């Protein structure tokens, strides 16, 4: 399973546990769904997590 498919599956599982309806917007530049979790995550944060994952 690809990383993106794994991520999509995990997001779906996580959102199924949220009591409120899931709200998302479509980014006009990328066309991707954008979810708000209340926590801002920068591209640097993502890069660090990817680096940690590759080190394991």
PDB file of N, CA and C in Angstrom:
ATOM      1  N   UNK A   1       0.860  -1.175   0.000  1.00  0.00           N
ATOM      2  CA  UNK A   1       0.000   0.000   0.000  1.00  0.00           C
ATOM      3  C   UNK A   1       0.904   1.236   0.000  1.00  0.00           C
ATOM      4  N   UNK A   2       0.575   2.202  -0.831  1.00  0.00           N
ATOM      5  CA  UNK A   2       1.389   3.416  -0.912  1.00  0.00           C
ATOM      6  C   UNK A   2       1.231   4.255   0.355  1.00  0.00           C
ATOM      7  N   UNK A   3       2.166   5.171   0.557  1.00  0.00           N
ATOM      8  CA  UNK A   3       2.076   6.058   1.726  1.00  0.00           C
ATOM      9  C   UNK A   3       0.829   6.923   1.652  1.00  0.00           C
ATOM     10  N   UNK A   4       0.488   7.412   0.459  1.00  0.00           N
ATOM     11  CA  UNK A   4      -0.701   8.270   0.348  1.00  0.00           C
ATOM     12  C   UNK A   4      -1.974   7.481   0.619  1.00  0.00           C
ATOM     13  N   UNK A   5      -2.040   6.231   0.179  1.00  0.00           N
ATOM     14  CA  UNK A   5      -3.217   5.399   0.451  1.00  0.00           C
ATOM     15  C   UNK A   5      -3.309   5.087   1.940  1.00  0.00           C
ATOM     16  N   UNK A   6      -2.157   4.830   2.568  1.00  0.00           N
ATOM     17  CA  UNK A   6      -2.136   4.584   4.010  1.00  0.00           C
ATOM     18  C   UNK A   6      -2.598   5.815   4.769  1.00  0.00           C
ATOM     19  N   UNK A   7      -2.100   6.978   4.366  1.00  0.00           N
ATOM     20  CA  UNK A   7      -2.497   8.221   5.009  1.00  0.00           C
ATOM     21  C   UNK A   7      -3.991   8.460   4.853  1.00  0.00           C
ATOM     22  N   UNK A   8      -4.509   8.264   3.658  1.00  0.00           N
ATOM     23  CA  UNK A   8      -5.937   8.457   3.422  1.00  0.00           C
ATOM     24  C   UNK A   8      -6.763   7.527   4.301  1.00  0.00           C
ATOM     25  N   UNK A   9      -6.335   6.282   4.430  1.00  0.00           N
ATOM     26  CA  UNK A   9      -7.055   5.323   5.271  1.00  0.00           C
ATOM     27  C   UNK A   9      -7.022   5.736   6.731  1.00  0.00           C
ATOM     28  N   UNK A  10      -5.856   6.171   7.220  1.00  0.00           N
ATOM     29  CA  UNK A  10      -5.732   6.594   8.613  1.00  0.00           C
ATOM     30  C   UNK A  10      -6.552   7.848   8.900  1.00  0.00           C
ATOM     31  N   UNK A  11      -6.569   8.782   7.977  1.00  0.00           N
ATOM     32  CA  UNK A  11      -7.373   9.998   8.143  1.00  0.00           C
ATOM     33  C   UNK A  11      -8.848   9.634   8.217  1.00  0.00           C
ATOM     34  N   UNK A  12      -9.278   8.741   7.349  1.00  0.00           N
ATOM     35  CA  UNK A  12     -10.672   8.312   7.350  1.00  0.00           C
ATOM     36  C   UNK A  12     -11.036   7.651   8.667  1.00  0.00           C
ATOM     37  N   UNK A  13     -10.184   6.784   9.165  1.00  0.00           N
ATOM     38  CA  UNK A  13     -10.430   6.124  10.445  1.00  0.00           C
ATOM     39  C   UNK A  13     -10.503   7.152  11.564  1.00  0.00           C
ATOM     40  N   UNK A  14      -9.546   8.079  11.576  1.00  0.00           N
ATOM     41  CA  UNK A  14      -9.525   9.110  12.616  1.00  0.00           C
ATOM     42  C   UNK A  14     -10.751   9.998  12.572  1.00  0.00           C
ATOM     43  N   UNK A  15     -11.177  10.387  11.382  1.00  0.00           N
ATOM     44  CA  UNK A  15     -12.330  11.273  11.262  1.00  0.00           C
ATOM     45  C   UNK A  15     -13.629  10.571  11.621  1.00  0.00           C
ATOM     46  N   UNK A  16     -13.662   9.258  11.516  1.00  0.00           N
ATOM     47  CA  UNK A  16     -14.855   8.516  11.915  1.00  0.00           C
ATOM     48  C   UNK A  16     -15.080   8.576  13.417  1.00  0.00           C
ATOM     49  N   UNK A  17     -14.040   8.944  14.177  1.00  0.00           N
ATOM     50  CA  UNK A  17     -14.151   9.029  15.627  1.00  0.00           C
ATOM     51  C   UNK A  17     -14.524  10.434  16.106  1.00  0.00           C
ATOM     52  N   UNK A  18     -14.618  11.377  15.188  1.00  0.00           N
ATOM     53  CA  UNK A  18     -14.965  12.752  15.533  1.00  0.00           C
ATOM     54  C   UNK A  18     -16.483  12.848  15.644  1.00  0.00           C
ATOM     55  N   UNK A  19     -16.944  13.449  16.724  1.00  0.00           N
ATOM     56  CA  UNK A  19     -18.383  13.531  16.945  1.00  0.00           C
ATOM     57  C   UNK A  19     -19.064  14.547  16.047  1.00  0.00           C
ATOM     58  N   UNK A  20     -18.340  15.574  15.633  1.00  0.00           N
ATOM     59  CA  UNK A  20     -18.917  16.595  14.765  1.00  0.00           C
ATOM     60  C   UNK A  20     -18.778  16.167  13.308  1.00  0.00           C
ATOM     61  N   UNK A  21     -19.671  16.633  12.449  1.00  0.00           N
ATOM     62  CA  UNK A  21     -19.519  16.310  11.025  1.00  0.00           C
ATOM     63  C   UNK A  21     -18.197  16.866  10.491  1.00  0.00           C
ATOM     64  N   UNK A  22     -17.569  16.119   9.629  1.00  0.00           N
ATOM     65  CA  UNK A  22     -16.303  16.544   9.041  1.00  0.00           C
ATOM     66  C   UNK A  22     -16.563  17.650   8.034  1.00  0.00           C
ATOM     67  N   UNK A  23     -15.832  18.744   8.194  1.00  0.00           N
ATOM     68  CA  UNK A  23     -15.946  19.853   7.253  1.00  0.00           C
ATOM     69  C   UNK A  23     -14.600  20.061   6.591  1.00  0.00           C
ATOM     70  N   UNK A  24     -14.642  20.244   5.315  1.00  0.00           N
ATOM     71  CA  UNK A  24     -13.410  20.502   4.582  1.00  0.00           C
ATOM     72  C   UNK A  24     -13.713  21.433   3.424  1.00  0.00           C
ATOM     73  N   UNK A  25     -12.661  22.053   2.942  1.00  0.00           N
ATOM     74  CA  UNK A  25     -12.762  22.928   1.783  1.00  0.00           C
ATOM     75  C   UNK A  25     -11.848  22.383   0.698  1.00  0.00           C
ATOM     76  N   UNK A  26     -12.138  22.735  -0.519  1.00  0.00           N
ATOM     77  CA  UNK A  26     -11.265  22.364  -1.631  1.00  0.00           C
ATOM     78  C   UNK A  26     -10.349  23.549  -1.929  1.00  0.00           C
ATOM     79  N   UNK A  27      -9.042  23.307  -1.874  1.00  0.00           N
ATOM     80  CA  UNK A  27      -8.078  24.356  -2.166  1.00  0.00           C
ATOM     81  C   UNK A  27      -8.188  24.724  -3.641  1.00  0.00           C
ATOM     82  N   UNK A  28      -8.409  26.015  -3.944  1.00  0.00           N
ATOM     83  CA  UNK A  28      -8.593  26.414  -5.335  1.00  0.00           C
ATOM     84  C   UNK A  28      -7.341  26.241  -6.201  1.00  0.00           C
ATOM     85  N   UNK A  29      -6.166  26.255  -5.594  1.00  0.00           N
ATOM     86  CA  UNK A  29      -4.931  26.109  -6.359  1.00  0.00           C
ATOM     87  C   UNK A  29      -4.591  24.654  -6.657  1.00  0.00           C
ATOM     88  N   UNK A  30      -4.796  23.779  -5.652  1.00  0.00           N
ATOM     89  CA  UNK A  30      -4.381  22.383  -5.819  1.00  0.00           C
ATOM     90  C   UNK A  30      -5.538  21.444  -6.131  1.00  0.00           C
ATOM     91  N   UNK A  31      -6.747  21.834  -5.722  1.00  0.00           N
ATOM     92  CA  UNK A  31      -7.894  20.950  -5.893  1.00  0.00           C
ATOM     93  C   UNK A  31      -7.977  19.889  -4.809  1.00  0.00           C
ATOM     94  N   UNK A  32      -7.060  19.936  -3.832  1.00  0.00           N
ATOM     95  CA  UNK A  32      -7.062  18.969  -2.737  1.00  0.00           C
ATOM     96  C   UNK A  32      -8.038  19.389  -1.646  1.00  0.00           C
ATOM     97  N   UNK A  33      -8.571  18.398  -0.948  1.00  0.00           N
ATOM     98  CA  UNK A  33      -9.414  18.676   0.218  1.00  0.00           C
ATOM     99  C   UNK A  33      -8.516  19.180   1.345  1.00  0.00           C
ATOM    100  N   UNK A  34      -8.965  20.212   2.045  1.00  0.00           N
ATOM    101  CA  UNK A  34      -8.209  20.793   3.148  1.00  0.00           C
ATOM    102  C   UNK A  34      -9.046  20.669   4.408  1.00  0.00           C
ATOM    103  N   UNK A  35      -8.505  19.955   5.410  1.00  0.00           N
ATOM    104  CA  UNK A  35      -9.193  19.752   6.673  1.00  0.00           C
ATOM    105  C   UNK A  35      -8.589  20.661   7.728  1.00  0.00           C
ATOM    106  N   UNK A  36      -9.413  21.151   8.612  1.00  0.00           N
ATOM    107  CA  UNK A  36      -8.915  21.936   9.737  1.00  0.00           C
ATOM    108  C   UNK A  36      -9.036  21.093  10.993  1.00  0.00           C
ATOM    109  N   UNK A  37      -7.892  20.844  11.630  1.00  0.00           N
ATOM    110  CA  UNK A  37      -7.888  20.057  12.860  1.00  0.00           C
ATOM    111  C   UNK A  37      -7.696  20.929  14.090  1.00  0.00           C
ATOM    112  N   UNK A  38      -7.526  22.229  13.875  1.00  0.00           N
ATOM    113  CA  UNK A  38      -7.281  23.129  14.993  1.00  0.00           C
ATOM    114  C   UNK A  38      -5.809  23.278  15.321  1.00  0.00           C
ATOM    115  N   UNK A  39      -4.962  22.485  14.692  1.00  0.00           N
ATOM    116  CA  UNK A  39      -3.521  22.558  14.910  1.00  0.00           C
ATOM    117  C   UNK A  39      -2.851  22.854  13.582  1.00  0.00           C
ATOM    118  N   UNK A  40      -2.054  23.918  13.551  1.00  0.00           N
ATOM    119  CA  UNK A  40      -1.363  24.266  12.308  1.00  0.00           C
ATOM    120  C   UNK A  40      -0.133  23.394  12.158  1.00  0.00           C
ATOM    121  N   UNK A  41       0.047  22.868  10.962  1.00  0.00           N
ATOM    122  CA  UNK A  41       1.206  22.030  10.639  1.00  0.00           C
ATOM    123  C   UNK A  41       1.890  22.650   9.436  1.00  0.00           C
ATOM    124  N   UNK A  42       3.158  22.959   9.590  1.00  0.00           N
ATOM    125  CA  UNK A  42       3.910  23.588   8.504  1.00  0.00           C
ATOM    126  C   UNK A  42       4.546  22.525   7.618  1.00  0.00           C
ATOM    127  N   UNK A  43       5.018  22.948   6.468  1.00  0.00           N
ATOM    128  CA  UNK A  43       5.732  22.015   5.588  1.00  0.00           C
ATOM    129  C   UNK A  43       7.027  21.548   6.251  1.00  0.00           C
ATOM    130  N   UNK A  44       7.620  22.391   7.102  1.00  0.00           N
ATOM    131  CA  UNK A  44       8.815  21.977   7.844  1.00  0.00           C
ATOM    132  C   UNK A  44       8.483  20.850   8.817  1.00  0.00           C
ATOM    133  N   UNK A  45       7.324  20.939   9.482  1.00  0.00           N
ATOM    134  CA  UNK A  45       6.885  19.876  10.386  1.00  0.00           C
ATOM    135  C   UNK A  45       6.734  18.557   9.632  1.00  0.00           C
ATOM    136  N   UNK A  46       6.120  18.625   8.464  1.00  0.00           N
ATOM    137  CA  UNK A  46       5.928  17.430   7.647  1.00  0.00           C
ATOM    138  C   UNK A  46       7.274  16.866   7.215  1.00  0.00           C
ATOM    139  N   UNK A  47       8.181  17.719   6.782  1.00  0.00           N
ATOM    140  CA  UNK A  47       9.510  17.265   6.356  1.00  0.00           C
ATOM    141  C   UNK A  47      10.244  16.563   7.496  1.00  0.00           C
ATOM    142  N   UNK A  48      10.150  17.094   8.706  1.00  0.00           N
ATOM    143  CA  UNK A  48      10.796  16.458   9.864  1.00  0.00           C
ATOM    144  C   UNK A  48      10.205  15.082  10.129  1.00  0.00           C
ATOM    145  N   UNK A  49       8.879  14.965  10.028  1.00  0.00           N
ATOM    146  CA  UNK A  49       8.232  13.663  10.247  1.00  0.00           C
ATOM    147  C   UNK A  49       8.639  12.665   9.177  1.00  0.00           C
ATOM    148  N   UNK A  50       8.761  13.113   7.954  1.00  0.00           N
ATOM    149  CA  UNK A  50       9.184  12.221   6.874  1.00  0.00           C
ATOM    150  C   UNK A  50      10.615  11.751   7.122  1.00  0.00           C
ATOM    151  N   UNK A  51      11.495  12.683   7.535  1.00  0.00           N
ATOM    152  CA  UNK A  51      12.873  12.326   7.829  1.00  0.00           C
ATOM    153  C   UNK A  51      12.945  11.298   8.964  1.00  0.00           C
ATOM    154  N   UNK A  52      12.142  11.506  10.014  1.00  0.00           N
ATOM    155  CA  UNK A  52      12.109  10.561  11.137  1.00  0.00           C
ATOM    156  C   UNK A  52      11.645   9.195  10.664  1.00  0.00           C
ATOM    157  N   UNK A  53      10.629   9.182   9.787  1.00  0.00           N
ATOM    158  CA  UNK A  53      10.091   7.924   9.274  1.00  0.00           C
ATOM    159  C   UNK A  53      11.126   7.187   8.440  1.00  0.00           C
ATOM    160  N   UNK A  54      11.891   7.908   7.658  1.00  0.00           N
ATOM    161  CA  UNK A  54      12.913   7.290   6.810  1.00  0.00           C
ATOM    162  C   UNK A  54      14.101   6.775   7.627  1.00  0.00           C
ATOM    163  N   UNK A  55      14.355   7.382   8.791  1.00  0.00           N
ATOM    164  CA  UNK A  55      15.460   6.956   9.650  1.00  0.00           C
ATOM    165  C   UNK A  55      15.153   5.639  10.360  1.00  0.00           C
ATOM    166  N   UNK A  56      13.886   5.294  10.462  1.00  0.00           N
ATOM    167  CA  UNK A  56      13.511   4.070  11.199  1.00  0.00           C
ATOM    168  C   UNK A  56      13.630   2.839  10.376  1.00  0.00           C
TER     169      UNK A  56
END
